[in-house]
């Protein structure tokens, strides 16, 4: 049995990628299953999806804990989650990044493929939805199905849901990624550090009371605990602020859904890019166009 684990962010299409990969395997005459793992996360939050491929009926229903193939749709997840935990020593990894495979550190030395899936998605789909681009790279490193079967699965799944034009665009993104994928071996220097969880368990909450803000093991718990999650790494576009145009109406400050726009003493504003997700609402509500959105995660 061949097991695949996808790590991505809500909105990047990790679940659809797992389902499409499974369909490509079925086209090749194999058995397959695909399913997601997420809770109440919103767009941009880390999510996982899983797929299994076998030559006989698959009866196991658990999550994939020891994958043969690791697929990472967002490079920033490498710094906040031990994504390679459980990856088999002879396993493979596919990473969405502009870096070379030899520049990637997963904490273990394995065969690694890198592909600039975000830029490919922006070129072909006009949106940072990288699932079909990353599948092109998966087809390059995985010999369980051909690129032809992968493109057929993409056209079947996306054509039925979004139309023929979307099917062609997504298939083209996969083909472009297939040709741009670089293969090598990654580094294994990164230690596997368990992810810190800010939420308390039931033993930390007094019966009949609410939990006050405090610090436990160096992590803030209770109100304000979300400060531990630097959501700015989710951003694919960054606000650019022209102070000369600003009329200090503060519509951007009032409308920011994350509260990452701060008021200065002179009533001008600044962005806390540690938390700005690049949603662009501030640019949309600005009446004098003092804010526009630049591509990329830096100012």
C-alpha atoms as a PDB file:
ATOM      1  CA  UNK A   1       0.000   0.000   0.000  1.00  0.00           C
ATOM      2  CA  UNK A   2       1.213   3.488  -0.893  1.00  0.00           C
ATOM      3  CA  UNK A   3       0.188   6.274   1.502  1.00  0.00           C
ATOM      4  CA  UNK A   4       0.264  10.034   0.874  1.00  0.00           C
ATOM      5  CA  UNK A   5      -0.125  12.904   3.342  1.00  0.00           C
ATOM      6  CA  UNK A   6      -0.874  16.446   2.167  1.00  0.00           C
ATOM      7  CA  UNK A   7      -0.090  19.505   4.287  1.00  0.00           C
ATOM      8  CA  UNK A   8      -1.577  22.806   3.165  1.00  0.00           C
ATOM      9  CA  UNK A   9      -3.652  25.779   4.209  1.00  0.00           C
ATOM     10  CA  UNK A  10      -7.391  26.194   3.936  1.00  0.00           C
ATOM     11  CA  UNK A  11      -8.205  27.471   0.448  1.00  0.00           C
ATOM     12  CA  UNK A  12      -5.179  25.973  -1.326  1.00  0.00           C
ATOM     13  CA  UNK A  13      -7.063  22.847  -2.356  1.00  0.00           C
ATOM     14  CA  UNK A  14      -5.333  20.100  -0.348  1.00  0.00           C
ATOM     15  CA  UNK A  15      -8.539  18.054  -0.073  1.00  0.00           C
ATOM     16  CA  UNK A  16      -9.250  18.354  -3.794  1.00  0.00           C
ATOM     17  CA  UNK A  17      -5.625  17.370  -4.508  1.00  0.00           C
ATOM     18  CA  UNK A  18      -5.969  14.167  -2.479  1.00  0.00           C
ATOM     19  CA  UNK A  19      -9.231  13.296  -4.227  1.00  0.00           C
ATOM     20  CA  UNK A  20      -7.757  13.956  -7.664  1.00  0.00           C
ATOM     21  CA  UNK A  21      -4.665  11.875  -6.915  1.00  0.00           C
ATOM     22  CA  UNK A  22      -6.909   8.999  -5.860  1.00  0.00           C
ATOM     23  CA  UNK A  23      -8.919   9.322  -9.072  1.00  0.00           C
ATOM     24  CA  UNK A  24      -5.704   9.189 -11.135  1.00  0.00           C
ATOM     25  CA  UNK A  25      -4.826   5.928  -9.392  1.00  0.00           C
ATOM     26  CA  UNK A  26      -8.302   4.525 -10.144  1.00  0.00           C
ATOM     27  CA  UNK A  27      -7.857   5.422 -13.803  1.00  0.00           C
ATOM     28  CA  UNK A  28      -4.704   3.281 -13.726  1.00  0.00           C
ATOM     29  CA  UNK A  29      -6.796   0.365 -12.443  1.00  0.00           C
ATOM     30  CA  UNK A  30      -5.855   0.554  -8.750  1.00  0.00           C
ATOM     31  CA  UNK A  31      -7.892   0.924  -5.576  1.00  0.00           C
ATOM     32  CA  UNK A  32      -7.683   4.273  -3.798  1.00  0.00           C
ATOM     33  CA  UNK A  33      -9.199   6.362  -1.023  1.00  0.00           C
ATOM     34  CA  UNK A  34      -8.903  10.045  -0.077  1.00  0.00           C
ATOM     35  CA  UNK A  35     -10.170  12.007   2.911  1.00  0.00           C
ATOM     36  CA  UNK A  36      -9.413  15.254   4.800  1.00  0.00           C
ATOM     37  CA  UNK A  37      -8.566  16.111   8.382  1.00  0.00           C
ATOM     38  CA  UNK A  38      -9.642  19.512   9.647  1.00  0.00           C
ATOM     39  CA  UNK A  39     -11.867  21.062  12.257  1.00  0.00           C
ATOM     40  CA  UNK A  40     -13.400  24.516  12.256  1.00  0.00           C
ATOM     41  CA  UNK A  41     -10.388  26.147  10.582  1.00  0.00           C
ATOM     42  CA  UNK A  42     -10.965  29.104   8.322  1.00  0.00           C
ATOM     43  CA  UNK A  43      -9.208  29.950   5.066  1.00  0.00           C
ATOM     44  CA  UNK A  44      -5.451  30.019   5.555  1.00  0.00           C
ATOM     45  CA  UNK A  45      -5.321  27.728   8.588  1.00  0.00           C
ATOM     46  CA  UNK A  46      -3.152  24.581   8.383  1.00  0.00           C
ATOM     47  CA  UNK A  47      -5.041  21.515   7.172  1.00  0.00           C
ATOM     48  CA  UNK A  48      -4.170  17.954   6.195  1.00  0.00           C
ATOM     49  CA  UNK A  49      -5.537  15.495   3.671  1.00  0.00           C
ATOM     50  CA  UNK A  50      -4.672  11.864   3.021  1.00  0.00           C
ATOM     51  CA  UNK A  51      -4.708   9.370   0.171  1.00  0.00           C
ATOM     52  CA  UNK A  52      -4.023   5.655  -0.091  1.00  0.00           C
ATOM     53  CA  UNK A  53      -3.332   3.596  -3.217  1.00  0.00           C
ATOM     54  CA  UNK A  54      -3.238  -0.200  -3.398  1.00  0.00           C
ATOM     55  CA  UNK A  55      -3.686  -3.096  -5.801  1.00  0.00           C
ATOM     56  CA  UNK A  56      -6.443  -4.593  -3.649  1.00  0.00           C
ATOM     57  CA  UNK A  57      -9.380  -3.308  -1.633  1.00  0.00           C
ATOM     58  CA  UNK A  58      -8.383  -0.863   1.118  1.00  0.00           C
ATOM     59  CA  UNK A  59     -10.019  -1.529   4.464  1.00  0.00           C
ATOM     60  CA  UNK A  60      -7.955   0.715   6.768  1.00  0.00           C
ATOM     61  CA  UNK A  61      -9.701   4.006   7.672  1.00  0.00           C
ATOM     62  CA  UNK A  62      -7.214   5.775   9.955  1.00  0.00           C
ATOM     63  CA  UNK A  63      -5.184   8.882   9.208  1.00  0.00           C
ATOM     64  CA  UNK A  64      -1.840   8.432   7.467  1.00  0.00           C
ATOM     65  CA  UNK A  65       0.847   8.514  10.152  1.00  0.00           C
ATOM     66  CA  UNK A  66       3.777   7.035   8.189  1.00  0.00           C
ATOM     67  CA  UNK A  67       3.442   8.281   4.608  1.00  0.00           C
ATOM     68  CA  UNK A  68       5.428   7.071   1.630  1.00  0.00           C
ATOM     69  CA  UNK A  69       4.961  10.479   0.033  1.00  0.00           C
ATOM     70  CA  UNK A  70       4.739  13.859   1.733  1.00  0.00           C
ATOM     71  CA  UNK A  71       3.194  16.770  -0.206  1.00  0.00           C
ATOM     72  CA  UNK A  72       3.545  20.286   1.229  1.00  0.00           C
ATOM     73  CA  UNK A  73       1.441  22.942  -0.507  1.00  0.00           C
ATOM     74  CA  UNK A  74       2.781  25.853   1.561  1.00  0.00           C
ATOM     75  CA  UNK A  75       6.480  26.246   2.361  1.00  0.00           C
ATOM     76  CA  UNK A  76       5.776  28.305   5.502  1.00  0.00           C
ATOM     77  CA  UNK A  77       4.373  25.183   7.185  1.00  0.00           C
ATOM     78  CA  UNK A  78       7.912  23.799   7.418  1.00  0.00           C
ATOM     79  CA  UNK A  79       8.659  26.379  10.126  1.00  0.00           C
ATOM     80  CA  UNK A  80       5.553  25.885  12.258  1.00  0.00           C
ATOM     81  CA  UNK A  81       4.731  22.174  12.024  1.00  0.00           C
ATOM     82  CA  UNK A  82       6.825  18.970  12.014  1.00  0.00           C
ATOM     83  CA  UNK A  83       5.372  18.051   8.625  1.00  0.00           C
ATOM     84  CA  UNK A  84       7.899  15.276   7.970  1.00  0.00           C
ATOM     85  CA  UNK A  85       7.142  13.417  11.194  1.00  0.00           C
ATOM     86  CA  UNK A  86       6.519   9.765  10.381  1.00  0.00           C
ATOM     87  CA  UNK A  87       7.795   9.977   6.789  1.00  0.00           C
ATOM     88  CA  UNK A  88       9.346   6.626   5.932  1.00  0.00           C
ATOM     89  CA  UNK A  89      13.168   6.622   5.545  1.00  0.00           C
ATOM     90  CA  UNK A  90      12.784   5.619   1.905  1.00  0.00           C
ATOM     91  CA  UNK A  91       9.925   8.051   1.343  1.00  0.00           C
ATOM     92  CA  UNK A  92       9.697  11.080  -0.913  1.00  0.00           C
ATOM     93  CA  UNK A  93       8.624  14.690  -0.467  1.00  0.00           C
ATOM     94  CA  UNK A  94       7.174  17.300  -2.835  1.00  0.00           C
ATOM     95  CA  UNK A  95       7.397  20.920  -1.678  1.00  0.00           C
ATOM     96  CA  UNK A  96       5.865  24.077  -3.119  1.00  0.00           C
ATOM     97  CA  UNK A  97       8.870  26.417  -3.077  1.00  0.00           C
ATOM     98  CA  UNK A  98      11.280  28.295  -5.314  1.00  0.00           C
ATOM     99  CA  UNK A  99      14.217  26.708  -3.491  1.00  0.00           C
ATOM    100  CA  UNK A 100      16.351  23.842  -4.717  1.00  0.00           C
ATOM    101  CA  UNK A 101      15.779  20.431  -3.110  1.00  0.00           C
ATOM    102  CA  UNK A 102      19.210  20.655  -1.467  1.00  0.00           C
ATOM    103  CA  UNK A 103      18.136  23.887   0.277  1.00  0.00           C
ATOM    104  CA  UNK A 104      15.139  22.232   1.983  1.00  0.00           C
ATOM    105  CA  UNK A 105      15.573  20.883   5.517  1.00  0.00           C
ATOM    106  CA  UNK A 106      12.885  18.403   6.553  1.00  0.00           C
ATOM    107  CA  UNK A 107      14.760  16.940   9.500  1.00  0.00           C
ATOM    108  CA  UNK A 108      15.602  13.797   7.532  1.00  0.00           C
ATOM    109  CA  UNK A 109      17.440  13.136   4.279  1.00  0.00           C
ATOM    110  CA  UNK A 110      15.003  11.816   1.673  1.00  0.00           C
ATOM    111  CA  UNK A 111      14.366  12.205  -2.027  1.00  0.00           C
ATOM    112  CA  UNK A 112      12.810  15.642  -2.466  1.00  0.00           C
ATOM    113  CA  UNK A 113      11.203  17.513  -5.348  1.00  0.00           C
ATOM    114  CA  UNK A 114      10.536  21.236  -5.407  1.00  0.00           C
ATOM    115  CA  UNK A 115       8.261  23.226  -7.696  1.00  0.00           C
ATOM    116  CA  UNK A 116       7.182  26.925  -7.747  1.00  0.00           C
ATOM    117  CA  UNK A 117       3.516  25.934  -7.610  1.00  0.00           C
ATOM    118  CA  UNK A 118       2.253  29.307  -6.367  1.00  0.00           C
ATOM    119  CA  UNK A 119       3.699  31.267  -9.289  1.00  0.00           C
ATOM    120  CA  UNK A 120       2.451  28.619 -11.731  1.00  0.00           C
ATOM    121  CA  UNK A 121      -1.044  28.821 -10.211  1.00  0.00           C
ATOM    122  CA  UNK A 122      -1.031  32.619 -10.424  1.00  0.00           C
ATOM    123  CA  UNK A 123      -0.012  32.405 -14.092  1.00  0.00           C
ATOM    124  CA  UNK A 124      -2.549  29.799 -15.193  1.00  0.00           C
ATOM    125  CA  UNK A 125      -5.385  30.168 -12.683  1.00  0.00           C
ATOM    126  CA  UNK A 126      -4.951  33.817 -11.575  1.00  0.00           C
ATOM    127  CA  UNK A 127      -5.288  32.657  -7.950  1.00  0.00           C
ATOM    128  CA  UNK A 128      -2.928  31.064  -5.389  1.00  0.00           C
ATOM    129  CA  UNK A 129      -4.779  27.728  -5.496  1.00  0.00           C
ATOM    130  CA  UNK A 130      -1.848  25.365  -5.905  1.00  0.00           C
ATOM    131  CA  UNK A 131      -3.431  21.916  -5.786  1.00  0.00           C
ATOM    132  CA  UNK A 132      -3.305  21.070  -9.495  1.00  0.00           C
ATOM    133  CA  UNK A 133       0.177  22.542  -9.931  1.00  0.00           C
ATOM    134  CA  UNK A 134       1.522  20.454  -7.050  1.00  0.00           C
ATOM    135  CA  UNK A 135      -0.107  17.358  -8.572  1.00  0.00           C
ATOM    136  CA  UNK A 136       2.007  17.843 -11.683  1.00  0.00           C
ATOM    137  CA  UNK A 137       5.089  17.568  -9.481  1.00  0.00           C
ATOM    138  CA  UNK A 138       3.626  14.512  -7.734  1.00  0.00           C
ATOM    139  CA  UNK A 139       3.193  12.821 -11.122  1.00  0.00           C
ATOM    140  CA  UNK A 140       6.881  13.488 -11.802  1.00  0.00           C
ATOM    141  CA  UNK A 141       8.120  11.694  -8.661  1.00  0.00           C
ATOM    142  CA  UNK A 142       5.463   8.979  -8.252  1.00  0.00           C
ATOM    143  CA  UNK A 143       5.471   6.018 -10.640  1.00  0.00           C
ATOM    144  CA  UNK A 144       2.039   4.682  -9.642  1.00  0.00           C
ATOM    145  CA  UNK A 145       0.325   6.692 -12.384  1.00  0.00           C
ATOM    146  CA  UNK A 146       1.267   8.578 -15.521  1.00  0.00           C
ATOM    147  CA  UNK A 147       1.013  12.286 -16.177  1.00  0.00           C
ATOM    148  CA  UNK A 148      -1.704  11.452 -18.709  1.00  0.00           C
ATOM    149  CA  UNK A 149      -3.826   9.785 -16.031  1.00  0.00           C
ATOM    150  CA  UNK A 150      -3.248  12.725 -13.691  1.00  0.00           C
ATOM    151  CA  UNK A 151      -4.364  15.232 -16.333  1.00  0.00           C
ATOM    152  CA  UNK A 152      -7.416  13.131 -17.105  1.00  0.00           C
ATOM    153  CA  UNK A 153      -8.321  13.015 -13.399  1.00  0.00           C
ATOM    154  CA  UNK A 154      -7.887  16.808 -13.167  1.00  0.00           C
ATOM    155  CA  UNK A 155     -10.101  17.387 -16.193  1.00  0.00           C
ATOM    156  CA  UNK A 156     -12.745  14.998 -14.874  1.00  0.00           C
ATOM    157  CA  UNK A 157     -12.891  16.485 -11.401  1.00  0.00           C
ATOM    158  CA  UNK A 158     -12.499  20.169 -12.250  1.00  0.00           C
ATOM    159  CA  UNK A 159     -14.462  20.061 -15.491  1.00  0.00           C
ATOM    160  CA  UNK A 160     -17.493  18.568 -13.784  1.00  0.00           C
ATOM    161  CA  UNK A 161     -17.385  21.155 -11.014  1.00  0.00           C
ATOM    162  CA  UNK A 162     -16.132  24.349 -12.674  1.00  0.00           C
ATOM    163  CA  UNK A 163     -16.522  23.857 -16.422  1.00  0.00           C
ATOM    164  CA  UNK A 164     -14.388  22.989 -19.429  1.00  0.00           C
ATOM    165  CA  UNK A 165     -12.287  26.173 -19.359  1.00  0.00           C
ATOM    166  CA  UNK A 166     -11.306  25.575 -15.726  1.00  0.00           C
ATOM    167  CA  UNK A 167     -10.466  21.959 -16.537  1.00  0.00           C
ATOM    168  CA  UNK A 168      -8.102  23.018 -19.318  1.00  0.00           C
ATOM    169  CA  UNK A 169      -6.447  25.700 -17.171  1.00  0.00           C
ATOM    170  CA  UNK A 170      -5.861  23.340 -14.262  1.00  0.00           C
ATOM    171  CA  UNK A 171      -4.514  20.601 -16.515  1.00  0.00           C
ATOM    172  CA  UNK A 172      -2.156  23.146 -18.096  1.00  0.00           C
ATOM    173  CA  UNK A 173      -0.939  24.217 -14.637  1.00  0.00           C
ATOM    174  CA  UNK A 174      -0.163  20.583 -13.800  1.00  0.00           C
ATOM    175  CA  UNK A 175       1.738  20.133 -17.069  1.00  0.00           C
ATOM    176  CA  UNK A 176       3.775  23.297 -16.434  1.00  0.00           C
ATOM    177  CA  UNK A 177       4.634  22.111 -12.922  1.00  0.00           C
ATOM    178  CA  UNK A 178       5.636  18.684 -14.266  1.00  0.00           C
ATOM    179  CA  UNK A 179       8.223  20.308 -16.523  1.00  0.00           C
ATOM    180  CA  UNK A 180       9.499  22.713 -13.832  1.00  0.00           C
ATOM    181  CA  UNK A 181       9.933  20.191 -11.014  1.00  0.00           C
ATOM    182  CA  UNK A 182      13.462  19.809  -9.644  1.00  0.00           C
ATOM    183  CA  UNK A 183      14.545  16.575  -7.955  1.00  0.00           C
ATOM    184  CA  UNK A 184      17.317  15.905  -5.429  1.00  0.00           C
ATOM    185  CA  UNK A 185      17.800  15.111  -1.759  1.00  0.00           C
ATOM    186  CA  UNK A 186      16.913  17.432   1.104  1.00  0.00           C
ATOM    187  CA  UNK A 187      18.865  18.074   4.302  1.00  0.00           C
ATOM    188  CA  UNK A 188      18.172  16.417   7.624  1.00  0.00           C
ATOM    189  CA  UNK A 189      19.422  18.940  10.177  1.00  0.00           C
ATOM    190  CA  UNK A 190      16.122  20.281  11.504  1.00  0.00           C
ATOM    191  CA  UNK A 191      15.151  18.763  14.884  1.00  0.00           C
ATOM    192  CA  UNK A 192      11.610  17.488  15.293  1.00  0.00           C
ATOM    193  CA  UNK A 193      10.148  19.842  17.890  1.00  0.00           C
ATOM    194  CA  UNK A 194       6.548  19.186  18.961  1.00  0.00           C
ATOM    195  CA  UNK A 195       4.242  22.044  18.003  1.00  0.00           C
ATOM    196  CA  UNK A 196       3.293  24.193  20.989  1.00  0.00           C
ATOM    197  CA  UNK A 197      -0.437  24.184  21.668  1.00  0.00           C
ATOM    198  CA  UNK A 198      -1.867  27.279  23.330  1.00  0.00           C
ATOM    199  CA  UNK A 199      -5.269  25.829  24.198  1.00  0.00           C
ATOM    200  CA  UNK A 200      -5.566  24.439  27.741  1.00  0.00           C
ATOM    201  CA  UNK A 201      -7.044  21.039  28.430  1.00  0.00           C
ATOM    202  CA  UNK A 202      -9.926  20.391  30.818  1.00  0.00           C
ATOM    203  CA  UNK A 203      -7.598  20.050  33.817  1.00  0.00           C
ATOM    204  CA  UNK A 204      -6.506  23.696  33.465  1.00  0.00           C
ATOM    205  CA  UNK A 205     -10.032  25.135  33.684  1.00  0.00           C
ATOM    206  CA  UNK A 206     -11.578  25.497  37.182  1.00  0.00           C
ATOM    207  CA  UNK A 207     -15.076  24.026  37.435  1.00  0.00           C
ATOM    208  CA  UNK A 208     -17.780  26.684  36.997  1.00  0.00           C
ATOM    209  CA  UNK A 209     -15.259  29.383  36.063  1.00  0.00           C
ATOM    210  CA  UNK A 210     -13.758  30.904  32.962  1.00  0.00           C
ATOM    211  CA  UNK A 211     -10.052  30.753  32.278  1.00  0.00           C
ATOM    212  CA  UNK A 212      -8.090  33.927  32.835  1.00  0.00           C
ATOM    213  CA  UNK A 213      -5.128  34.935  30.714  1.00  0.00           C
ATOM    214  CA  UNK A 214      -1.847  33.424  31.824  1.00  0.00           C
ATOM    215  CA  UNK A 215       1.344  31.759  30.694  1.00  0.00           C
ATOM    216  CA  UNK A 216       1.995  28.044  30.778  1.00  0.00           C
ATOM    217  CA  UNK A 217       5.282  26.528  29.591  1.00  0.00           C
ATOM    218  CA  UNK A 218       6.121  29.758  27.815  1.00  0.00           C
ATOM    219  CA  UNK A 219       2.872  29.804  25.813  1.00  0.00           C
ATOM    220  CA  UNK A 220       0.030  32.252  26.396  1.00  0.00           C
ATOM    221  CA  UNK A 221      -3.252  30.530  27.197  1.00  0.00           C
ATOM    222  CA  UNK A 222      -6.725  31.962  27.573  1.00  0.00           C
ATOM    223  CA  UNK A 223      -7.804  35.252  25.957  1.00  0.00           C
ATOM    224  CA  UNK A 224      -5.105  36.529  23.620  1.00  0.00           C
ATOM    225  CA  UNK A 225      -3.582  33.116  23.089  1.00  0.00           C
ATOM    226  CA  UNK A 226      -3.936  33.465  19.317  1.00  0.00           C
ATOM    227  CA  UNK A 227      -0.951  35.824  19.502  1.00  0.00           C
ATOM    228  CA  UNK A 228       1.137  32.661  19.292  1.00  0.00           C
ATOM    229  CA  UNK A 229      -0.079  32.034  15.715  1.00  0.00           C
ATOM    230  CA  UNK A 230       1.856  34.319  13.354  1.00  0.00           C
ATOM    231  CA  UNK A 231      -0.688  34.250  10.569  1.00  0.00           C
ATOM    232  CA  UNK A 232       1.262  36.675   8.380  1.00  0.00           C
ATOM    233  CA  UNK A 233       2.952  33.665   6.798  1.00  0.00           C
ATOM    234  CA  UNK A 234      -0.364  32.860   5.096  1.00  0.00           C
ATOM    235  CA  UNK A 235      -0.125  36.018   2.990  1.00  0.00           C
ATOM    236  CA  UNK A 236       0.365  35.931  -0.807  1.00  0.00           C
ATOM    237  CA  UNK A 237      -0.176  39.687  -1.237  1.00  0.00           C
ATOM    238  CA  UNK A 238       0.895  42.574   0.991  1.00  0.00           C
ATOM    239  CA  UNK A 239      -0.672  46.017   1.502  1.00  0.00           C
ATOM    240  CA  UNK A 240       1.336  49.020   0.313  1.00  0.00           C
ATOM    241  CA  UNK A 241       0.413  52.242   2.088  1.00  0.00           C
ATOM    242  CA  UNK A 242       0.816  55.725   0.567  1.00  0.00           C
ATOM    243  CA  UNK A 243       0.791  58.061   3.548  1.00  0.00           C
ATOM    244  CA  UNK A 244       0.636  61.147   1.312  1.00  0.00           C
ATOM    245  CA  UNK A 245      -2.752  60.097  -0.084  1.00  0.00           C
ATOM    246  CA  UNK A 246      -4.215  59.039   3.268  1.00  0.00           C
ATOM    247  CA  UNK A 247      -6.998  61.279   4.623  1.00  0.00           C
ATOM    248  CA  UNK A 248      -7.041  59.469   8.007  1.00  0.00           C
ATOM    249  CA  UNK A 249     -10.646  58.355   7.693  1.00  0.00           C
ATOM    250  CA  UNK A 250      -9.656  55.082   9.459  1.00  0.00           C
ATOM    251  CA  UNK A 251     -11.990  52.949   7.347  1.00  0.00           C
ATOM    252  CA  UNK A 252      -9.173  50.437   6.893  1.00  0.00           C
ATOM    253  CA  UNK A 253      -8.584  50.245  10.650  1.00  0.00           C
ATOM    254  CA  UNK A 254     -12.307  49.765  11.298  1.00  0.00           C
ATOM    255  CA  UNK A 255     -12.749  47.129   8.557  1.00  0.00           C
ATOM    256  CA  UNK A 256      -9.686  44.921   9.152  1.00  0.00           C
ATOM    257  CA  UNK A 257     -11.058  41.484  10.161  1.00  0.00           C
ATOM    258  CA  UNK A 258      -7.828  40.546  11.960  1.00  0.00           C
ATOM    259  CA  UNK A 259      -7.216  43.771  13.893  1.00  0.00           C
ATOM    260  CA  UNK A 260      -3.687  43.968  12.501  1.00  0.00           C
ATOM    261  CA  UNK A 261      -3.971  47.630  11.448  1.00  0.00           C
ATOM    262  CA  UNK A 262      -2.766  49.887  14.259  1.00  0.00           C
ATOM    263  CA  UNK A 263      -3.563  53.573  14.795  1.00  0.00           C
ATOM    264  CA  UNK A 264      -0.644  55.900  15.418  1.00  0.00           C
ATOM    265  CA  UNK A 265      -0.817  59.044  17.555  1.00  0.00           C
ATOM    266  CA  UNK A 266      -1.188  61.225  14.458  1.00  0.00           C
ATOM    267  CA  UNK A 267      -4.140  59.037  13.273  1.00  0.00           C
ATOM    268  CA  UNK A 268      -2.135  57.532  10.437  1.00  0.00           C
ATOM    269  CA  UNK A 269      -1.970  53.734  10.407  1.00  0.00           C
ATOM    270  CA  UNK A 270       0.512  50.881  10.178  1.00  0.00           C
ATOM    271  CA  UNK A 271       0.179  47.132   9.559  1.00  0.00           C
ATOM    272  CA  UNK A 272       1.440  44.388  11.821  1.00  0.00           C
ATOM    273  CA  UNK A 273       2.686  42.052   9.096  1.00  0.00           C
ATOM    274  CA  UNK A 274       3.134  39.243  11.597  1.00  0.00           C
ATOM    275  CA  UNK A 275      -0.645  38.798  11.431  1.00  0.00           C
ATOM    276  CA  UNK A 276      -1.798  40.438   8.160  1.00  0.00           C
ATOM    277  CA  UNK A 277      -3.160  37.686   5.857  1.00  0.00           C
ATOM    278  CA  UNK A 278      -3.327  39.921   2.779  1.00  0.00           C
ATOM    279  CA  UNK A 279      -7.112  39.738   2.376  1.00  0.00           C
ATOM    280  CA  UNK A 280      -7.179  43.159   0.658  1.00  0.00           C
ATOM    281  CA  UNK A 281     -10.277  44.475   2.434  1.00  0.00           C
ATOM    282  CA  UNK A 282      -8.352  47.582   3.537  1.00  0.00           C
ATOM    283  CA  UNK A 283      -7.534  48.423  -0.083  1.00  0.00           C
ATOM    284  CA  UNK A 284     -11.150  47.885  -1.141  1.00  0.00           C
ATOM    285  CA  UNK A 285     -12.629  50.246   1.474  1.00  0.00           C
ATOM    286  CA  UNK A 286     -10.042  53.032   1.134  1.00  0.00           C
ATOM    287  CA  UNK A 287     -11.870  55.976  -0.529  1.00  0.00           C
ATOM    288  CA  UNK A 288      -8.703  57.675  -1.827  1.00  0.00           C
ATOM    289  CA  UNK A 289      -6.779  54.564  -2.984  1.00  0.00           C
ATOM    290  CA  UNK A 290      -4.000  55.118  -0.470  1.00  0.00           C
ATOM    291  CA  UNK A 291      -3.654  51.341  -0.154  1.00  0.00           C
ATOM    292  CA  UNK A 292      -2.980  48.806  -2.877  1.00  0.00           C
ATOM    293  CA  UNK A 293      -2.019  45.155  -2.739  1.00  0.00           C
ATOM    294  CA  UNK A 294       1.344  43.935  -3.956  1.00  0.00           C
ATOM    295  CA  UNK A 295       1.996  40.312  -4.899  1.00  0.00           C
ATOM    296  CA  UNK A 296       4.217  38.510  -2.468  1.00  0.00           C
ATOM    297  CA  UNK A 297       4.471  37.985   1.254  1.00  0.00           C
ATOM    298  CA  UNK A 298       6.798  40.906   2.023  1.00  0.00           C
ATOM    299  CA  UNK A 299       6.295  44.619   2.003  1.00  0.00           C
END
